């Protein structure tokens, strides 16, 4: 893990189809990557999961979740009669 990969390391890639893989044997694999690549991959995974699950977090859904899971800590809603 680093901020950049120099050509000496890049020349050790063992599989052109899998950039970053320098060693691949039955017992272990060694990957070389940058922090930027790692964060980009993680972000893409999160986006894929979010799309697959169609998660939309809104204020209303958050409140409903808290009300369901932590009722004992949430005060009851205040009724507004609109004419006071």
C-alpha atoms as a PDB file:
ATOM      1  CA  UNK A   1       0.000   0.000   0.000  1.00  0.00           C
ATOM      2  CA  UNK A   2       1.349   3.347  -0.943  1.00  0.00           C
ATOM      3  CA  UNK A   3       0.609   6.620  -2.661  1.00  0.00           C
ATOM      4  CA  UNK A   4       2.130   5.621  -5.991  1.00  0.00           C
ATOM      5  CA  UNK A   5       3.583   2.593  -7.766  1.00  0.00           C
ATOM      6  CA  UNK A   6       6.879   2.883  -9.592  1.00  0.00           C
ATOM      7  CA  UNK A   7       7.813   1.058 -12.800  1.00  0.00           C
ATOM      8  CA  UNK A   8      10.089  -1.449 -11.024  1.00  0.00           C
ATOM      9  CA  UNK A   9       7.113  -2.770  -9.079  1.00  0.00           C
ATOM     10  CA  UNK A  10       4.731  -2.473 -12.017  1.00  0.00           C
ATOM     11  CA  UNK A  11       7.081  -4.716 -14.026  1.00  0.00           C
ATOM     12  CA  UNK A  12       6.557  -7.446 -11.415  1.00  0.00           C
ATOM     13  CA  UNK A  13       2.838  -7.775 -12.120  1.00  0.00           C
ATOM     14  CA  UNK A  14       2.264 -11.449 -12.825  1.00  0.00           C
ATOM     15  CA  UNK A  15      -1.048 -11.231 -14.706  1.00  0.00           C
ATOM     16  CA  UNK A  16      -1.821  -8.392 -17.144  1.00  0.00           C
ATOM     17  CA  UNK A  17      -5.552  -9.001 -16.642  1.00  0.00           C
ATOM     18  CA  UNK A  18      -5.165  -8.380 -12.882  1.00  0.00           C
ATOM     19  CA  UNK A  19      -3.079  -5.236 -12.380  1.00  0.00           C
ATOM     20  CA  UNK A  20      -1.424  -5.145  -8.994  1.00  0.00           C
ATOM     21  CA  UNK A  21      -1.048  -8.900  -8.571  1.00  0.00           C
ATOM     22  CA  UNK A  22       2.671  -9.575  -8.137  1.00  0.00           C
ATOM     23  CA  UNK A  23       2.614 -13.067  -6.602  1.00  0.00           C
ATOM     24  CA  UNK A  24      -0.020 -15.743  -7.034  1.00  0.00           C
ATOM     25  CA  UNK A  25       0.609 -19.175  -5.580  1.00  0.00           C
ATOM     26  CA  UNK A  26      -1.620 -21.734  -3.817  1.00  0.00           C
ATOM     27  CA  UNK A  27      -0.807 -20.440  -0.338  1.00  0.00           C
ATOM     28  CA  UNK A  28      -0.969 -16.659  -0.786  1.00  0.00           C
ATOM     29  CA  UNK A  29      -1.282 -13.717  -3.151  1.00  0.00           C
ATOM     30  CA  UNK A  30       0.551 -10.433  -2.985  1.00  0.00           C
ATOM     31  CA  UNK A  31      -1.171  -7.364  -4.384  1.00  0.00           C
ATOM     32  CA  UNK A  32       0.367  -3.930  -4.787  1.00  0.00           C
ATOM     33  CA  UNK A  33      -2.059  -1.011  -4.817  1.00  0.00           C
ATOM     34  CA  UNK A  34      -2.328   2.648  -3.940  1.00  0.00           C
ATOM     35  CA  UNK A  35      -4.579   4.182  -1.330  1.00  0.00           C
ATOM     36  CA  UNK A  36      -6.507   5.897  -4.118  1.00  0.00           C
ATOM     37  CA  UNK A  37      -7.150   2.609  -5.914  1.00  0.00           C
ATOM     38  CA  UNK A  38      -8.227   0.937  -2.682  1.00  0.00           C
ATOM     39  CA  UNK A  39     -10.651   3.732  -1.804  1.00  0.00           C
ATOM     40  CA  UNK A  40     -12.015   3.796  -5.368  1.00  0.00           C
ATOM     41  CA  UNK A  41     -12.660   0.044  -5.272  1.00  0.00           C
ATOM     42  CA  UNK A  42     -14.349   0.324  -1.878  1.00  0.00           C
ATOM     43  CA  UNK A  43     -16.539   3.174  -3.124  1.00  0.00           C
ATOM     44  CA  UNK A  44     -17.570   1.158  -6.184  1.00  0.00           C
ATOM     45  CA  UNK A  45     -18.497  -1.787  -3.940  1.00  0.00           C
ATOM     46  CA  UNK A  46     -20.594   0.449  -1.681  1.00  0.00           C
ATOM     47  CA  UNK A  47     -22.361   1.935  -4.708  1.00  0.00           C
ATOM     48  CA  UNK A  48     -23.051  -1.561  -6.080  1.00  0.00           C
ATOM     49  CA  UNK A  49     -24.509  -2.716  -2.756  1.00  0.00           C
ATOM     50  CA  UNK A  50     -26.544   0.460  -2.421  1.00  0.00           C
ATOM     51  CA  UNK A  51     -27.961  -0.009  -5.922  1.00  0.00           C
ATOM     52  CA  UNK A  52     -28.648  -3.695  -5.343  1.00  0.00           C
ATOM     53  CA  UNK A  53     -30.439  -3.021  -2.091  1.00  0.00           C
ATOM     54  CA  UNK A  54     -32.015   0.223  -3.310  1.00  0.00           C
ATOM     55  CA  UNK A  55     -31.217   1.892  -0.016  1.00  0.00           C
ATOM     56  CA  UNK A  56     -32.493   5.387   0.393  1.00  0.00           C
ATOM     57  CA  UNK A  57     -31.878   6.935   3.748  1.00  0.00           C
ATOM     58  CA  UNK A  58     -34.162   9.859   4.432  1.00  0.00           C
ATOM     59  CA  UNK A  59     -35.012  11.752   7.563  1.00  0.00           C
ATOM     60  CA  UNK A  60     -38.366   9.970   7.698  1.00  0.00           C
ATOM     61  CA  UNK A  61     -36.931   6.445   7.302  1.00  0.00           C
ATOM     62  CA  UNK A  62     -34.252   7.219   9.896  1.00  0.00           C
ATOM     63  CA  UNK A  63     -36.882   8.381  12.390  1.00  0.00           C
ATOM     64  CA  UNK A  64     -39.017   5.277  11.780  1.00  0.00           C
ATOM     65  CA  UNK A  65     -35.986   3.043  12.368  1.00  0.00           C
ATOM     66  CA  UNK A  66     -35.094   4.823  15.609  1.00  0.00           C
ATOM     67  CA  UNK A  67     -38.709   4.674  16.772  1.00  0.00           C
ATOM     68  CA  UNK A  68     -38.837   0.922  16.089  1.00  0.00           C
ATOM     69  CA  UNK A  69     -35.476   0.019  17.605  1.00  0.00           C
ATOM     70  CA  UNK A  70     -35.172   2.512  20.463  1.00  0.00           C
ATOM     71  CA  UNK A  71     -38.733   3.386  21.463  1.00  0.00           C
ATOM     72  CA  UNK A  72     -37.820   3.793  25.119  1.00  0.00           C
ATOM     73  CA  UNK A  73     -35.510   6.718  24.279  1.00  0.00           C
ATOM     74  CA  UNK A  74     -37.722   8.527  21.762  1.00  0.00           C
ATOM     75  CA  UNK A  75     -40.311  10.961  23.130  1.00  0.00           C
ATOM     76  CA  UNK A  76     -43.826  10.683  21.700  1.00  0.00           C
ATOM     77  CA  UNK A  77     -44.654  13.041  18.838  1.00  0.00           C
ATOM     78  CA  UNK A  78     -46.119  16.405  19.804  1.00  0.00           C
ATOM     79  CA  UNK A  79     -49.562  17.043  18.352  1.00  0.00           C
ATOM     80  CA  UNK A  80     -49.906  20.323  16.490  1.00  0.00           C
ATOM     81  CA  UNK A  81     -53.450  21.608  16.283  1.00  0.00           C
ATOM     82  CA  UNK A  82     -52.446  24.420  13.953  1.00  0.00           C
ATOM     83  CA  UNK A  83     -54.615  27.078  15.618  1.00  0.00           C
ATOM     84  CA  UNK A  84     -52.987  27.943  18.894  1.00  0.00           C
END
